[in-house]
């Protein structure tokens, strides 16, 4: 089943932050930039709340769930 998804690229391994509660309520582009500043080694996936996502853990991925362009829940590594 297709989902709406945006992938924001990764880089080198620097910091080890694993969750971003401070971005809940923030616009998703600003939130994605904050996550990428903290962890340039991860990819940020943006999904709408309710989207189906593939199961499985990936330590180089952060899933961000948004509603009306705003982060709706804490993004975490996985």
C-alpha atoms as a PDB file:
ATOM      1  CA  UNK A   1       0.000   0.000   0.000  1.00  0.00           C
ATOM      2  CA  UNK A   2       1.575   3.346  -0.999  1.00  0.00           C
ATOM      3  CA  UNK A   3       2.205   5.922   1.703  1.00  0.00           C
ATOM      4  CA  UNK A   4       3.212   9.548   1.605  1.00  0.00           C
ATOM      5  CA  UNK A   5       6.855   9.631   2.605  1.00  0.00           C
ATOM      6  CA  UNK A   6       9.735  12.059   2.406  1.00  0.00           C
ATOM      7  CA  UNK A   7      13.342  11.023   3.020  1.00  0.00           C
ATOM      8  CA  UNK A   8      15.865  13.599   4.197  1.00  0.00           C
ATOM      9  CA  UNK A   9      19.425  12.307   3.666  1.00  0.00           C
ATOM     10  CA  UNK A  10      22.115  11.227   6.113  1.00  0.00           C
ATOM     11  CA  UNK A  11      25.783  11.984   6.692  1.00  0.00           C
ATOM     12  CA  UNK A  12      28.609  11.092   9.083  1.00  0.00           C
ATOM     13  CA  UNK A  13      28.269   9.618  12.597  1.00  0.00           C
ATOM     14  CA  UNK A  14      28.613  12.336  15.277  1.00  0.00           C
ATOM     15  CA  UNK A  15      26.162  12.638  18.165  1.00  0.00           C
ATOM     16  CA  UNK A  16      24.142   9.879  19.737  1.00  0.00           C
ATOM     17  CA  UNK A  17      20.789  11.529  20.473  1.00  0.00           C
ATOM     18  CA  UNK A  18      17.929   9.024  19.979  1.00  0.00           C
ATOM     19  CA  UNK A  19      14.703  11.021  20.457  1.00  0.00           C
ATOM     20  CA  UNK A  20      13.486  14.573  19.864  1.00  0.00           C
ATOM     21  CA  UNK A  21      10.532  15.438  22.137  1.00  0.00           C
ATOM     22  CA  UNK A  22      11.311  19.140  21.729  1.00  0.00           C
ATOM     23  CA  UNK A  23      10.139  19.110  18.086  1.00  0.00           C
ATOM     24  CA  UNK A  24       6.562  17.990  18.830  1.00  0.00           C
ATOM     25  CA  UNK A  25       4.294  20.819  17.656  1.00  0.00           C
ATOM     26  CA  UNK A  26       6.986  22.213  15.326  1.00  0.00           C
ATOM     27  CA  UNK A  27       6.651  22.423  11.541  1.00  0.00           C
ATOM     28  CA  UNK A  28       8.062  19.240  10.002  1.00  0.00           C
ATOM     29  CA  UNK A  29      10.782  20.926   7.908  1.00  0.00           C
ATOM     30  CA  UNK A  30      12.185  22.793  10.921  1.00  0.00           C
ATOM     31  CA  UNK A  31      11.974  19.588  12.961  1.00  0.00           C
ATOM     32  CA  UNK A  32      13.794  17.605  10.275  1.00  0.00           C
ATOM     33  CA  UNK A  33      16.555  20.224  10.178  1.00  0.00           C
ATOM     34  CA  UNK A  34      16.906  20.056  13.985  1.00  0.00           C
ATOM     35  CA  UNK A  35      17.196  16.264  13.864  1.00  0.00           C
ATOM     36  CA  UNK A  36      19.763  16.445  11.027  1.00  0.00           C
ATOM     37  CA  UNK A  37      21.837  18.985  12.981  1.00  0.00           C
ATOM     38  CA  UNK A  38      21.833  16.702  16.033  1.00  0.00           C
ATOM     39  CA  UNK A  39      22.356  13.468  14.081  1.00  0.00           C
ATOM     40  CA  UNK A  40      23.718  14.024  10.547  1.00  0.00           C
ATOM     41  CA  UNK A  41      24.259  10.263  10.281  1.00  0.00           C
ATOM     42  CA  UNK A  42      20.520   9.394  10.151  1.00  0.00           C
ATOM     43  CA  UNK A  43      17.820   9.613   7.501  1.00  0.00           C
ATOM     44  CA  UNK A  44      14.546  11.271   8.498  1.00  0.00           C
ATOM     45  CA  UNK A  45      11.361   9.710   7.159  1.00  0.00           C
ATOM     46  CA  UNK A  46       8.268  11.902   7.235  1.00  0.00           C
ATOM     47  CA  UNK A  47       4.905  10.127   7.414  1.00  0.00           C
ATOM     48  CA  UNK A  48       1.352  11.288   7.974  1.00  0.00           C
ATOM     49  CA  UNK A  49      -0.247  10.078  11.212  1.00  0.00           C
ATOM     50  CA  UNK A  50      -1.981   6.795  10.398  1.00  0.00           C
ATOM     51  CA  UNK A  51       0.342   5.825   7.525  1.00  0.00           C
ATOM     52  CA  UNK A  52       1.434   2.194   7.419  1.00  0.00           C
ATOM     53  CA  UNK A  53       5.194   1.799   7.743  1.00  0.00           C
ATOM     54  CA  UNK A  54       7.414  -1.213   7.226  1.00  0.00           C
ATOM     55  CA  UNK A  55       8.233  -2.966  10.503  1.00  0.00           C
ATOM     56  CA  UNK A  56      11.784  -3.332  11.718  1.00  0.00           C
ATOM     57  CA  UNK A  57      14.460  -1.385  13.542  1.00  0.00           C
ATOM     58  CA  UNK A  58      17.059   0.715  11.727  1.00  0.00           C
ATOM     59  CA  UNK A  59      19.566   2.668  13.833  1.00  0.00           C
ATOM     60  CA  UNK A  60      20.155   5.058  10.926  1.00  0.00           C
ATOM     61  CA  UNK A  61      16.476   6.070  10.586  1.00  0.00           C
ATOM     62  CA  UNK A  62      14.194   8.498  12.393  1.00  0.00           C
ATOM     63  CA  UNK A  63      10.477   8.298  11.645  1.00  0.00           C
ATOM     64  CA  UNK A  64       8.575  11.533  12.070  1.00  0.00           C
ATOM     65  CA  UNK A  65       4.764  11.458  12.101  1.00  0.00           C
ATOM     66  CA  UNK A  66       2.984  14.664  11.179  1.00  0.00           C
ATOM     67  CA  UNK A  67      -0.564  16.014  11.148  1.00  0.00           C
ATOM     68  CA  UNK A  68      -1.309  19.128   9.060  1.00  0.00           C
ATOM     69  CA  UNK A  69       2.422  19.735   8.557  1.00  0.00           C
ATOM     70  CA  UNK A  70       3.197  19.679  12.286  1.00  0.00           C
ATOM     71  CA  UNK A  71       5.094  16.984  14.220  1.00  0.00           C
ATOM     72  CA  UNK A  72       2.426  15.009  16.116  1.00  0.00           C
ATOM     73  CA  UNK A  73       4.568  12.604  18.173  1.00  0.00           C
ATOM     74  CA  UNK A  74       8.135  12.333  19.402  1.00  0.00           C
ATOM     75  CA  UNK A  75      10.492  11.272  16.586  1.00  0.00           C
ATOM     76  CA  UNK A  76      12.805   8.433  17.631  1.00  0.00           C
ATOM     77  CA  UNK A  77      15.623   6.383  16.136  1.00  0.00           C
ATOM     78  CA  UNK A  78      14.422   3.090  14.736  1.00  0.00           C
END
